[in-house]
Amino acid sequence: MNIRMSRFRSLRTLALTLALIFVVAAVSMAVFWLSPADRFGSEGVLANAVAISILILPILLTIVAIRLISDHVAERKSVEEKLQKARDELEVRVKQRTDELSRTIDSLHTEATERKRVEDALRESEAKLRGLYEMSPLGFALTDMKGRYVEFNESFRRICGYSEEELKSLDYWKLTPKKYEAEEAKQLESLNRAGHYGPFEKEYVRRDGTLVPLRLSGVLVENRAGEHFIWSVVEDITERRQSEEVLRKTRDELEVRVQKRTAELLTINRELSREVAERGRAEGKLKELNETLEQRVAQRTAEAKRRAEELEQFAYVTSHDLKAPLRGIANLADWLQEDLSGKLSKDTAEQFMLLKDRVGRMQALIEGLLEYSRVGRTHGVSELVDTRKLLEETLDTLALPAEVVVNIAPGMPTLRTDRLRLGQVFANLVGNAVKHHDGSQPHVWVKVQEKNRFFEFSVADDGPGIAPQYHERVFMMFQTLMPRDVGNDSGIGLALVKKIVEDQGGTVTLESQEGEGSTFRFTWPKSGNAEAGFSTGE
């Protein structure tokens, strides 16, 4: 590039020189032609020749300079084209290099950001580890290969009992009793071979001279300078040793107790063996007694069955045989009363009425006994029963006085059961409520509710009520709270209700207070039939 510029300057100087010569020649020619000398003499011809030469030489030199300049321009144009091409290539390379540098800078920025994040995370992790290191209940200590303490945490200092300055002036071997030299050599060999030692147990000598039991383990580490150090973890196992000692004593005491208990158990076992032998003999005798008892039970059962049959036959015959004389006595009393009508005194008329009442009570008693004896031995036909309709039919049969009001709650169930027995229960309970009422207009309420496998019926009244001390007595045979001479109550009705209900698997209870009416509740099985359910009748 410098050579081309030098050539360009040379050509420019040449052109200027030629122009100067051309100007001098032109001036010389002008002077020559304008001078008064002879232009065509010998001197004039020579002068003309010189002037023409001087004039032509610049022209020739100018032509040469123009050619040189043309060559130079062409060459310069070629150089400029090459220079432009080189410039374009340089710009492409610069752009590529710039892009590469931009990517490199971005990569470096990303790397720097990531490195900063990693450094922050490392600082945070280091802070956490430092916190754990300082707050850990375990002792941590860093020693050089000669056992001198370089760094340790507060827990290690408390275990040893020394101050920080004192510990840094000591080494590992000052704290180790001599009895552990063999074990220490073994652990040191493990450290050099495998890069770690322990865990193993030993003791340290504390500042006050006492020994503290420890559990140690450690690892060999190397710093950037290539120096080796030992990180050790030290655990105070004083409490564990104490617990082990307590456990050992407890185990010894337990062994003594076990031996004592074993001896007791052996004694008990011998006694049990004797007892088992005696029990075996007793079981043999019991088996013989059972066989004898079974025979007696079979005999008694057969005898009871025979007696029950005889009793049923007796009750039937007795009731039949007693009914005829009673009807005769009743008829005779009616005849005598009719024949002697108007002739009897007041006392005699009352005696006749008492006689007829006693005959009626005797007839009711015989009927009650006969019915009571049949419960449990005879079974009626199971049929679908609408309890509302059954109650209405029962009330018609009882022929209650007009002033009696019986309220039957809606939703009475329909179930498959013994219609006759359920009707007897309703008849006795409603009749009992009306019979013992002391008011002018008795009210009776019949309700029902479901209870698992049963319907619970209740018959309540607003009568005089029954004192709690008589609640069990009213269900006994021939028991009545009214005087014998009042009314015609046989004392069998509620006993019959109880027997019928219990024969069906239910229960009957009484809720009453004197002067507050009475409520009899009894449960009756649903019989598990799919047709059982509540009626929608009112």
Protein backbone atom coordinates (compact mmCIF):
# COMPACT_ATOMS: atom_id res chain seq x y z
CA MET A 1 0.00 0.00 0.00
CA ASN A 2 2.93 2.38 0.78
CA ILE A 3 4.61 1.54 -2.61
CA ARG A 4 1.39 2.40 -4.46
CA MET A 5 1.10 5.71 -2.66
CA SER A 6 4.74 6.52 -3.45
CA ARG A 7 4.20 5.83 -7.14
CA PHE A 8 1.11 7.99 -7.12
CA ARG A 9 3.06 10.87 -5.62
CA SER A 10 5.83 10.40 -8.25
CA LEU A 11 3.34 10.52 -11.11
CA ARG A 12 1.73 13.60 -9.69
CA THR A 13 5.17 15.31 -9.47
CA LEU A 14 5.95 14.30 -13.05
CA ALA A 15 2.67 15.70 -14.31
CA LEU A 16 3.31 18.95 -12.53
CA THR A 17 6.86 19.13 -13.95
CA LEU A 18 5.60 18.48 -17.50
CA ALA A 19 2.96 21.12 -17.09
CA LEU A 20 5.64 23.54 -15.92
CA ILE A 21 7.89 22.68 -18.88
CA PHE A 22 4.92 23.05 -21.22
CA VAL A 23 4.19 26.44 -19.79
CA VAL A 24 7.91 27.49 -20.12
CA ALA A 25 7.97 26.26 -23.73
CA ALA A 26 4.80 28.09 -24.54
CA VAL A 27 6.22 31.26 -23.07
CA SER A 28 9.47 30.76 -24.96
CA MET A 29 7.57 30.27 -28.21
CA ALA A 30 5.56 33.34 -27.56
CA VAL A 31 8.69 35.35 -26.87
CA PHE A 32 10.35 33.92 -29.92
CA TRP A 33 7.52 34.73 -32.20
CA LEU A 34 7.06 38.07 -30.74
CA SER A 35 10.74 39.03 -30.84
CA PRO A 36 12.01 41.19 -33.74
CA ALA A 37 14.80 38.79 -34.67
CA ASP A 38 14.91 37.01 -37.96
CA ARG A 39 12.77 33.95 -37.61
CA PHE A 40 13.92 32.30 -40.73
CA GLY A 41 17.62 32.77 -40.52
CA SER A 42 19.96 30.10 -39.38
CA GLU A 43 19.64 31.21 -35.84
CA GLY A 44 15.99 31.54 -36.32
CA VAL A 45 15.64 28.00 -37.66
CA LEU A 46 17.64 26.67 -34.81
CA ALA A 47 15.65 28.62 -32.38
CA ASN A 48 12.49 27.37 -34.01
CA ALA A 49 13.70 23.83 -33.81
CA VAL A 50 14.57 24.27 -30.19
CA ALA A 51 11.28 25.92 -29.53
CA ILE A 52 9.39 23.20 -31.33
CA SER A 53 11.39 20.55 -29.48
CA ILE A 54 10.73 22.28 -26.26
CA LEU A 55 7.08 22.43 -27.20
CA ILE A 56 6.86 18.78 -28.37
CA LEU A 57 8.85 17.34 -25.47
CA PRO A 58 6.25 18.33 -22.89
CA ILE A 59 3.59 16.97 -25.16
CA LEU A 60 5.41 13.68 -25.43
CA LEU A 61 6.13 13.68 -21.77
CA THR A 62 2.49 14.55 -21.14
CA ILE A 63 1.36 11.63 -23.31
CA VAL A 64 3.70 9.31 -21.37
CA ALA A 65 2.46 10.79 -18.10
CA ILE A 66 -1.14 10.35 -19.24
CA ARG A 67 -0.41 6.73 -20.10
CA LEU A 68 1.29 6.20 -16.83
CA ILE A 69 -1.56 7.93 -15.06
CA SER A 70 -4.09 5.74 -16.93
CA ASP A 71 -2.18 2.64 -15.95
CA HIS A 72 -1.99 3.97 -12.45
CA VAL A 73 -5.75 4.73 -12.41
CA ALA A 74 -6.54 1.27 -13.70
CA GLU A 75 -4.21 -0.27 -11.19
CA ARG A 76 -5.66 1.95 -8.49
CA LYS A 77 -9.19 0.96 -9.47
CA SER A 78 -8.16 -2.70 -9.28
CA VAL A 79 -6.53 -2.07 -5.96
CA GLU A 80 -9.63 -0.25 -4.71
CA GLU A 81 -11.83 -3.16 -5.85
CA LYS A 82 -9.58 -5.59 -4.06
CA LEU A 83 -9.53 -3.23 -1.12
CA GLN A 84 -13.36 -3.05 -1.13
CA LYS A 85 -13.57 -6.82 -1.36
CA ALA A 86 -11.07 -7.13 1.47
CA ARG A 87 -13.09 -4.52 3.41
CA ASP A 88 -16.32 -6.50 2.82
CA GLU A 89 -14.66 -9.71 3.88
CA LEU A 90 -13.27 -7.91 6.90
CA GLU A 91 -16.71 -6.56 7.79
CA VAL A 92 -18.18 -10.10 7.50
CA ARG A 93 -15.39 -11.42 9.67
CA VAL A 94 -15.83 -8.53 12.08
CA LYS A 95 -19.58 -9.20 12.21
CA GLN A 96 -18.98 -12.92 12.74
CA ARG A 97 -16.40 -12.18 15.37
CA THR A 98 -18.74 -9.63 16.93
CA ASP A 99 -21.54 -12.26 17.06
CA GLU A 100 -19.13 -14.77 18.50
CA LEU A 101 -17.99 -12.25 21.06
CA SER A 102 -21.65 -11.41 21.85
CA ARG A 103 -22.46 -15.07 22.34
CA THR A 104 -19.32 -15.47 24.38
CA ILE A 105 -20.27 -12.47 26.51
CA ASP A 106 -23.83 -13.83 26.96
CA SER A 107 -22.40 -17.21 27.87
CA LEU A 108 -20.01 -15.58 30.29
CA HIS A 109 -22.87 -13.52 31.75
CA THR A 110 -25.00 -16.66 32.14
CA GLU A 111 -22.05 -18.49 33.60
CA ALA A 112 -21.40 -15.59 35.93
CA THR A 113 -25.07 -15.51 37.00
CA GLU A 114 -25.11 -19.26 37.57
CA ARG A 115 -21.82 -19.06 39.38
CA LYS A 116 -23.22 -16.30 41.59
CA ARG A 117 -26.33 -18.42 42.28
CA VAL A 118 -24.15 -21.41 43.11
CA GLU A 119 -21.96 -19.24 45.31
CA ASP A 120 -25.06 -17.85 47.08
CA ALA A 121 -26.40 -21.39 47.52
CA LEU A 122 -23.02 -22.51 48.81
CA ARG A 123 -22.92 -19.57 51.24
CA GLU A 124 -26.46 -20.39 52.39
CA SER A 125 -25.60 -24.07 52.73
CA GLU A 126 -22.41 -23.17 54.54
CA ALA A 127 -24.40 -20.92 56.90
CA LYS A 128 -26.85 -23.76 57.61
CA LEU A 129 -24.04 -26.24 58.12
CA ARG A 130 -22.28 -23.72 60.34
CA GLY A 131 -25.47 -23.34 62.36
CA LEU A 132 -25.82 -27.12 62.65
CA TYR A 133 -22.14 -27.35 63.49
CA GLU A 134 -22.45 -24.80 66.28
CA MET A 135 -25.84 -25.97 67.64
CA SER A 136 -25.31 -29.73 67.31
CA PRO A 137 -25.35 -31.73 70.57
CA LEU A 138 -22.54 -33.80 69.05
CA GLY A 139 -18.97 -32.62 69.40
CA PHE A 140 -17.02 -31.83 66.20
CA ALA A 141 -13.24 -31.35 66.23
CA LEU A 142 -10.63 -30.74 63.50
CA THR A 143 -7.06 -31.85 64.31
CA ASP A 144 -3.86 -31.98 62.34
CA MET A 145 -2.00 -35.24 61.87
CA LYS A 146 -0.13 -34.64 65.14
CA GLY A 147 -3.40 -34.45 67.08
CA ARG A 148 -3.35 -30.69 67.73
CA TYR A 149 -6.79 -29.08 67.79
CA VAL A 150 -7.38 -26.62 64.97
CA GLU A 151 -11.12 -26.09 65.25
CA PHE A 152 -13.99 -27.42 67.40
CA ASN A 153 -17.57 -26.53 68.31
CA GLU A 154 -19.12 -25.59 71.64
CA SER A 155 -20.45 -29.10 72.32
CA PHE A 156 -16.94 -30.55 72.06
CA ARG A 157 -15.60 -27.88 74.41
CA ARG A 158 -18.33 -28.68 77.01
CA ILE A 159 -17.59 -32.40 76.74
CA CYS A 160 -13.91 -31.81 77.49
CA GLY A 161 -14.48 -29.13 80.13
CA TYR A 162 -11.69 -26.85 78.84
CA SER A 163 -11.86 -23.27 77.59
CA GLU A 164 -11.26 -22.52 73.93
CA GLU A 165 -7.71 -21.20 74.54
CA GLU A 166 -6.83 -24.20 76.72
CA LEU A 167 -8.07 -26.70 74.14
CA LYS A 168 -6.08 -25.09 71.32
CA SER A 169 -2.94 -25.45 73.42
CA LEU A 170 -3.58 -29.20 73.91
CA ASP A 171 -3.61 -32.15 71.55
CA TYR A 172 -5.65 -35.33 71.13
CA TRP A 173 -3.22 -37.47 73.08
CA LYS A 174 -3.36 -35.25 76.20
CA LEU A 175 -7.04 -36.14 76.59
CA THR A 176 -6.62 -39.90 75.96
CA PRO A 177 -5.85 -42.28 78.85
CA LYS A 178 -2.89 -44.62 78.23
CA LYS A 179 -5.09 -47.73 78.44
CA TYR A 180 -6.48 -46.87 75.00
CA GLU A 181 -3.07 -46.78 73.20
CA ALA A 182 -3.58 -50.16 71.50
CA GLU A 183 -7.08 -49.25 70.32
CA GLU A 184 -5.86 -45.84 69.13
CA ALA A 185 -3.11 -47.50 67.06
CA LYS A 186 -5.71 -49.76 65.47
CA GLN A 187 -7.98 -46.78 64.60
CA LEU A 188 -5.04 -44.78 63.22
CA GLU A 189 -4.11 -47.70 60.95
CA SER A 190 -7.72 -47.77 59.70
CA LEU A 191 -7.57 -44.01 59.05
CA ASN A 192 -4.40 -44.29 56.97
CA ARG A 193 -5.69 -47.33 55.08
CA ALA A 194 -9.34 -46.47 54.43
CA GLY A 195 -9.48 -42.72 55.04
CA HIS A 196 -11.75 -43.02 58.08
CA TYR A 197 -11.85 -44.57 61.56
CA GLY A 198 -14.46 -45.77 64.03
CA PRO A 199 -16.97 -45.70 65.36
CA PHE A 200 -15.44 -46.93 68.60
CA GLU A 201 -15.86 -46.16 72.28
CA LYS A 202 -13.27 -44.74 74.64
CA GLU A 203 -12.91 -42.11 77.37
CA TYR A 204 -11.51 -38.56 77.59
CA VAL A 205 -9.85 -37.06 80.62
CA ARG A 206 -11.77 -33.89 81.44
CA ARG A 207 -10.21 -30.74 82.89
CA ASP A 208 -11.38 -31.74 86.39
CA GLY A 209 -9.71 -35.15 86.00
CA THR A 210 -12.91 -37.15 85.61
CA LEU A 211 -13.37 -39.60 82.76
CA VAL A 212 -16.22 -39.09 80.29
CA PRO A 213 -17.32 -42.05 78.10
CA LEU A 214 -17.42 -41.21 74.37
CA ARG A 215 -18.23 -42.69 70.99
CA LEU A 216 -15.88 -41.43 68.24
CA SER A 217 -15.69 -41.64 64.48
CA GLY A 218 -13.73 -39.57 61.96
CA VAL A 219 -12.61 -39.01 58.40
CA LEU A 220 -9.37 -37.90 56.75
CA VAL A 221 -9.58 -34.62 54.74
CA GLU A 222 -7.11 -32.62 52.61
CA ASN A 223 -7.00 -28.85 52.07
CA ARG A 224 -5.94 -26.97 48.90
CA ALA A 225 -2.36 -26.86 50.05
CA GLY A 226 -2.27 -30.66 50.21
CA GLU A 227 -2.18 -30.76 54.03
CA HIS A 228 -4.05 -33.56 55.79
CA PHE A 229 -6.41 -33.10 58.74
CA ILE A 230 -8.83 -35.28 60.71
CA TRP A 231 -12.49 -34.37 61.26
CA SER A 232 -13.84 -36.24 64.31
CA VAL A 233 -17.41 -36.63 65.59
CA VAL A 234 -17.56 -37.07 69.38
CA GLU A 235 -20.73 -38.24 71.18
CA ASP A 236 -21.07 -38.12 74.97
CA ILE A 237 -22.58 -41.53 75.93
CA THR A 238 -22.72 -40.92 79.68
CA GLU A 239 -26.52 -41.18 79.80
CA ARG A 240 -26.47 -44.31 77.65
CA ARG A 241 -23.91 -45.93 79.96
CA GLN A 242 -26.05 -45.01 82.95
CA SER A 243 -29.13 -46.46 81.20
CA GLU A 244 -27.18 -49.61 80.37
CA GLU A 245 -26.14 -49.89 84.00
CA VAL A 246 -29.74 -49.45 85.16
CA LEU A 247 -30.81 -51.98 82.51
CA ARG A 248 -28.16 -54.43 83.67
CA LYS A 249 -29.29 -54.11 87.28
CA THR A 250 -32.91 -54.45 86.19
CA ARG A 251 -32.01 -57.51 84.13
CA ASP A 252 -30.24 -59.06 87.11
CA GLU A 253 -33.22 -58.34 89.34
CA LEU A 254 -35.53 -59.69 86.66
CA GLU A 255 -33.50 -62.88 86.38
CA VAL A 256 -33.77 -63.34 90.14
CA ARG A 257 -37.52 -62.72 89.94
CA VAL A 258 -37.83 -65.08 86.97
CA GLN A 259 -35.99 -67.81 88.84
CA LYS A 260 -38.19 -67.24 91.87
CA ARG A 261 -41.31 -67.15 89.71
CA THR A 262 -40.19 -70.27 87.86
CA ALA A 263 -39.88 -72.11 91.15
CA GLU A 264 -43.34 -70.87 92.14
CA LEU A 265 -44.74 -71.92 88.78
CA LEU A 266 -43.21 -75.36 89.14
CA THR A 267 -44.90 -75.67 92.53
CA ILE A 268 -48.18 -74.39 91.06
CA ASN A 269 -47.78 -76.75 88.10
CA ARG A 270 -47.43 -79.72 90.45
CA GLU A 271 -50.49 -78.55 92.36
CA LEU A 272 -52.37 -78.07 89.08
CA SER A 273 -51.36 -81.54 87.97
CA ARG A 274 -52.81 -82.94 91.16
CA GLU A 275 -55.90 -80.76 90.70
CA VAL A 276 -56.25 -81.88 87.06
CA ALA A 277 -56.03 -85.48 88.17
CA GLU A 278 -58.65 -84.85 90.84
CA ARG A 279 -60.78 -82.92 88.31
CA GLY A 280 -60.48 -85.84 85.90
CA ARG A 281 -61.79 -88.15 88.56
CA ALA A 282 -64.50 -85.61 89.39
CA GLU A 283 -65.41 -85.28 85.69
CA GLY A 284 -65.75 -89.04 85.51
CA LYS A 285 -68.10 -88.98 88.44
CA LEU A 286 -69.87 -85.95 86.95
CA LYS A 287 -70.28 -87.80 83.67
CA GLU A 288 -71.88 -90.67 85.53
CA LEU A 289 -74.11 -88.19 87.36
CA ASN A 290 -74.99 -86.48 84.05
CA GLU A 291 -75.98 -89.75 82.51
CA THR A 292 -78.08 -90.49 85.58
CA LEU A 293 -79.48 -86.95 85.49
CA GLU A 294 -80.33 -87.23 81.79
CA GLN A 295 -82.23 -90.39 82.53
CA ARG A 296 -84.04 -88.66 85.38
CA VAL A 297 -84.73 -85.58 83.22
CA ALA A 298 -86.13 -87.79 80.49
CA GLN A 299 -88.27 -89.54 83.05
CA ARG A 300 -89.36 -86.28 84.63
CA THR A 301 -90.05 -84.76 81.20
CA ALA A 302 -92.20 -87.68 80.22
CA GLU A 303 -93.90 -87.52 83.60
CA ALA A 304 -94.43 -83.74 83.30
CA LYS A 305 -95.84 -84.19 79.82
CA ARG A 306 -98.16 -86.87 81.10
CA ARG A 307 -99.20 -84.71 84.05
CA ALA A 308 -99.72 -81.71 81.78
CA GLU A 309 -101.96 -83.78 79.58
CA GLU A 310 -103.76 -85.06 82.68
CA LEU A 311 -104.01 -81.48 84.00
CA GLU A 312 -105.42 -80.25 80.71
CA GLN A 313 -107.89 -83.12 80.73
CA PHE A 314 -108.67 -82.40 84.37
CA ALA A 315 -109.15 -78.68 83.66
CA TYR A 316 -111.44 -79.47 80.76
CA VAL A 317 -113.43 -82.07 82.71
CA THR A 318 -113.49 -79.93 85.84
CA SER A 319 -114.63 -76.86 83.95
CA HIS A 320 -117.25 -78.91 82.12
CA ASP A 321 -118.40 -80.69 85.30
CA LEU A 322 -118.41 -77.46 87.34
CA LYS A 323 -120.21 -75.45 84.70
CA ALA A 324 -123.33 -77.65 84.83
CA PRO A 325 -123.90 -77.33 88.63
CA LEU A 326 -123.13 -73.61 88.43
CA ARG A 327 -125.67 -73.15 85.65
CA GLY A 328 -128.16 -75.15 87.80
CA ILE A 329 -127.47 -72.95 90.83
CA ALA A 330 -127.83 -69.81 88.70
CA ASN A 331 -131.10 -71.05 87.20
CA LEU A 332 -132.41 -72.11 90.62
CA ALA A 333 -131.60 -68.73 92.05
CA ASP A 334 -133.40 -67.02 89.15
CA TRP A 335 -136.44 -69.26 89.64
CA LEU A 336 -136.59 -68.68 93.38
CA GLN A 337 -136.18 -64.94 92.87
CA GLU A 338 -139.01 -64.92 90.34
CA ASP A 339 -141.28 -67.11 92.50
CA LEU A 340 -140.66 -65.13 95.63
CA SER A 341 -140.75 -61.79 93.88
CA GLY A 342 -142.26 -59.20 96.26
CA LYS A 343 -142.06 -61.58 99.23
CA LEU A 344 -138.31 -61.34 99.91
CA SER A 345 -136.92 -58.99 102.47
CA LYS A 346 -134.26 -56.51 101.47
CA ASP A 347 -131.49 -58.56 103.06
CA THR A 348 -132.72 -61.74 101.37
CA ALA A 349 -132.82 -59.97 97.98
CA GLU A 350 -129.25 -58.76 98.51
CA GLN A 351 -128.20 -62.31 99.39
CA PHE A 352 -129.76 -63.59 96.16
CA MET A 353 -127.87 -60.89 94.18
CA LEU A 354 -124.63 -61.83 95.98
CA LEU A 355 -125.28 -65.50 95.18
CA LYS A 356 -125.77 -64.73 91.48
CA ASP A 357 -122.60 -62.56 91.47
CA ARG A 358 -120.57 -65.35 93.08
CA VAL A 359 -121.89 -67.81 90.51
CA GLY A 360 -120.89 -65.39 87.71
CA ARG A 361 -117.41 -64.93 89.19
CA MET A 362 -117.05 -68.71 89.53
CA GLN A 363 -117.99 -69.18 85.89
CA ALA A 364 -115.49 -66.46 84.81
CA LEU A 365 -112.81 -68.09 86.98
CA ILE A 366 -113.39 -71.50 85.42
CA GLU A 367 -113.27 -70.01 81.90
CA GLY A 368 -110.09 -68.10 82.78
CA LEU A 369 -108.42 -71.19 84.20
CA LEU A 370 -109.32 -73.21 81.17
CA GLU A 371 -108.00 -70.53 78.82
CA TYR A 372 -104.81 -70.04 80.88
CA SER A 373 -104.05 -73.76 80.80
CA ARG A 374 -104.35 -73.83 77.02
CA VAL A 375 -101.76 -71.04 76.42
CA GLY A 376 -98.46 -72.54 75.26
CA ARG A 377 -99.93 -75.97 74.57
CA THR A 378 -102.22 -75.09 71.73
CA HIS A 379 -101.38 -72.89 68.76
CA GLY A 380 -103.84 -71.02 66.63
CA VAL A 381 -103.71 -70.48 62.90
CA SER A 382 -101.27 -67.83 61.65
CA GLU A 383 -103.07 -65.43 59.35
CA LEU A 384 -102.79 -61.91 57.98
CA VAL A 385 -104.34 -59.63 60.63
CA ASP A 386 -105.28 -55.96 60.28
CA THR A 387 -104.93 -54.84 63.90
CA ARG A 388 -107.29 -51.87 63.41
CA LYS A 389 -110.10 -54.14 62.25
CA LEU A 390 -109.23 -56.62 65.02
CA LEU A 391 -109.54 -53.85 67.63
CA GLU A 392 -112.88 -52.69 66.20
CA GLU A 393 -114.23 -56.28 66.31
CA THR A 394 -112.92 -56.71 69.88
CA LEU A 395 -114.65 -53.51 71.02
CA ASP A 396 -117.93 -54.74 69.50
CA THR A 397 -117.54 -58.05 71.34
CA LEU A 398 -116.89 -56.32 74.67
CA ALA A 399 -120.12 -54.33 74.30
CA LEU A 400 -118.69 -51.35 76.17
CA PRO A 401 -121.00 -48.72 77.65
CA ALA A 402 -121.82 -45.77 75.38
CA GLU A 403 -119.92 -43.29 77.52
CA VAL A 404 -116.59 -45.13 76.98
CA VAL A 405 -114.34 -43.45 74.40
CA VAL A 406 -111.64 -45.59 72.76
CA ASN A 407 -109.16 -43.76 70.50
CA ILE A 408 -107.24 -45.95 68.04
CA ALA A 409 -104.17 -44.16 66.67
CA PRO A 410 -103.69 -44.08 62.88
CA GLY A 411 -101.13 -46.37 61.23
CA MET A 412 -102.02 -49.59 63.03
CA PRO A 413 -100.00 -52.44 61.42
CA THR A 414 -101.06 -55.42 59.38
CA LEU A 415 -99.09 -58.56 60.25
CA ARG A 416 -99.24 -62.34 60.01
CA THR A 417 -99.90 -63.77 63.48
CA ASP A 418 -102.32 -65.70 65.73
CA ARG A 419 -105.48 -63.59 65.49
CA LEU A 420 -107.20 -65.16 68.51
CA ARG A 421 -104.28 -64.63 70.95
CA LEU A 422 -103.72 -60.99 69.89
CA GLY A 423 -107.44 -60.35 70.21
CA GLN A 424 -107.45 -61.83 73.74
CA VAL A 425 -104.63 -59.45 74.76
CA PHE A 426 -106.46 -56.38 73.43
CA ALA A 427 -109.76 -57.53 74.98
CA ASN A 428 -108.28 -58.05 78.44
CA LEU A 429 -106.32 -54.75 78.44
CA VAL A 430 -109.19 -52.58 77.14
CA GLY A 431 -111.74 -54.41 79.35
CA ASN A 432 -109.45 -54.00 82.37
CA ALA A 433 -109.10 -50.23 81.70
CA VAL A 434 -112.88 -49.77 81.50
CA LYS A 435 -113.69 -52.15 84.38
CA HIS A 436 -111.46 -50.37 86.91
CA HIS A 437 -112.24 -46.81 85.81
CA ASP A 438 -113.74 -44.66 88.55
CA GLY A 439 -114.96 -41.76 86.38
CA SER A 440 -118.13 -41.05 84.44
CA GLN A 441 -116.56 -41.08 80.97
CA PRO A 442 -113.59 -43.43 80.59
CA HIS A 443 -111.05 -42.67 77.86
CA VAL A 444 -108.78 -45.33 76.40
CA TRP A 445 -105.94 -44.75 73.86
CA VAL A 446 -104.41 -47.51 71.73
CA LYS A 447 -101.11 -46.70 69.94
CA VAL A 448 -98.25 -48.54 68.25
CA GLN A 449 -94.61 -47.96 67.26
CA GLU A 450 -91.93 -50.08 65.59
CA LYS A 451 -89.02 -51.49 67.62
CA ASN A 452 -86.64 -53.60 65.55
CA ARG A 453 -88.28 -57.03 65.11
CA PHE A 454 -91.35 -56.08 67.17
CA PHE A 455 -94.34 -53.79 67.22
CA GLU A 456 -94.84 -52.13 70.60
CA PHE A 457 -98.54 -51.61 71.37
CA SER A 458 -99.73 -49.43 74.25
CA VAL A 459 -103.16 -49.28 75.92
CA ALA A 460 -103.50 -46.19 78.14
CA ASP A 461 -106.41 -44.93 80.24
CA ASP A 462 -107.27 -41.97 82.47
CA GLY A 463 -108.38 -44.12 85.39
CA PRO A 464 -107.31 -44.05 89.04
CA GLY A 465 -103.83 -45.41 88.30
CA ILE A 466 -101.83 -48.07 90.14
CA ALA A 467 -99.23 -47.41 92.81
CA PRO A 468 -95.70 -48.61 91.84
CA GLN A 469 -95.59 -51.21 94.63
CA TYR A 470 -98.43 -53.12 92.94
CA HIS A 471 -97.01 -53.14 89.37
CA GLU A 472 -95.74 -56.73 89.62
CA ARG A 473 -98.65 -58.01 91.68
CA VAL A 474 -101.28 -57.18 89.04
CA PHE A 475 -99.76 -59.78 86.66
CA MET A 476 -100.08 -62.64 89.17
CA MET A 477 -102.85 -65.28 89.15
CA PHE A 478 -105.99 -64.48 91.20
CA GLN A 479 -104.57 -61.09 92.23
CA THR A 480 -106.86 -58.06 92.15
CA LEU A 481 -106.61 -54.67 93.78
CA MET A 482 -110.40 -54.56 94.34
CA PRO A 483 -112.09 -56.19 97.34
CA ARG A 484 -113.38 -59.71 96.68
CA ASP A 485 -116.96 -58.65 97.27
CA VAL A 486 -116.78 -55.79 94.75
CA GLY A 487 -117.21 -56.50 91.05
CA ASN A 488 -116.73 -59.78 89.26
CA ASP A 489 -112.98 -59.63 88.58
CA SER A 490 -111.47 -63.13 88.49
CA GLY A 491 -107.85 -61.92 88.83
CA ILE A 492 -106.76 -63.94 85.78
CA GLY A 493 -107.01 -61.38 82.95
CA LEU A 494 -103.60 -59.65 83.27
CA ALA A 495 -101.89 -62.96 84.15
CA LEU A 496 -103.35 -64.38 80.91
CA VAL A 497 -102.07 -61.30 78.97
CA LYS A 498 -98.56 -61.79 80.38
CA LYS A 499 -98.53 -65.50 79.54
CA ILE A 500 -99.80 -64.97 75.97
CA VAL A 501 -97.32 -62.14 75.23
CA GLU A 502 -94.33 -64.03 76.65
CA ASP A 503 -95.40 -67.17 74.75
CA GLN A 504 -95.09 -65.05 71.55
CA GLY A 505 -91.57 -63.91 72.57
CA GLY A 506 -92.59 -60.44 73.71
CA THR A 507 -92.72 -58.53 77.00
CA VAL A 508 -95.41 -56.61 78.87
CA THR A 509 -94.83 -53.66 81.22
CA LEU A 510 -96.89 -51.21 83.26
CA GLU A 511 -96.32 -47.46 83.60
CA SER A 512 -98.54 -45.85 86.21
CA GLN A 513 -98.75 -43.60 89.23
CA GLU A 514 -101.65 -43.45 91.60
CA GLY A 515 -104.20 -40.88 90.37
CA GLU A 516 -102.50 -40.47 86.94
CA GLY A 517 -103.97 -43.29 84.86
CA SER A 518 -102.20 -46.41 83.58
CA THR A 519 -100.35 -47.40 80.40
CA PHE A 520 -99.80 -51.08 79.56
CA ARG A 521 -97.16 -51.70 76.87
CA PHE A 522 -96.52 -55.04 75.19
CA THR A 523 -94.30 -56.08 72.28
CA TRP A 524 -95.56 -58.42 69.57
CA PRO A 525 -93.27 -60.03 66.94
CA LYS A 526 -93.54 -58.96 63.31
CA SER A 527 -93.06 -62.65 62.47
CA GLY A 528 -90.45 -61.69 59.82
CA ASN A 529 -93.14 -61.86 57.12
CA ALA A 530 -92.80 -59.60 54.09
CA GLU A 531 -96.48 -58.77 54.34
CA ALA A 532 -96.11 -57.19 57.78
CA GLY A 533 -96.31 -53.41 57.74
CA PHE A 534 -98.25 -50.35 58.78
CA SER A 535 -101.84 -49.84 57.71
CA THR A 536 -102.86 -46.49 56.25
CA GLY A 537 -106.40 -46.74 57.66
CA GLU A 538 -107.63 -44.15 60.09
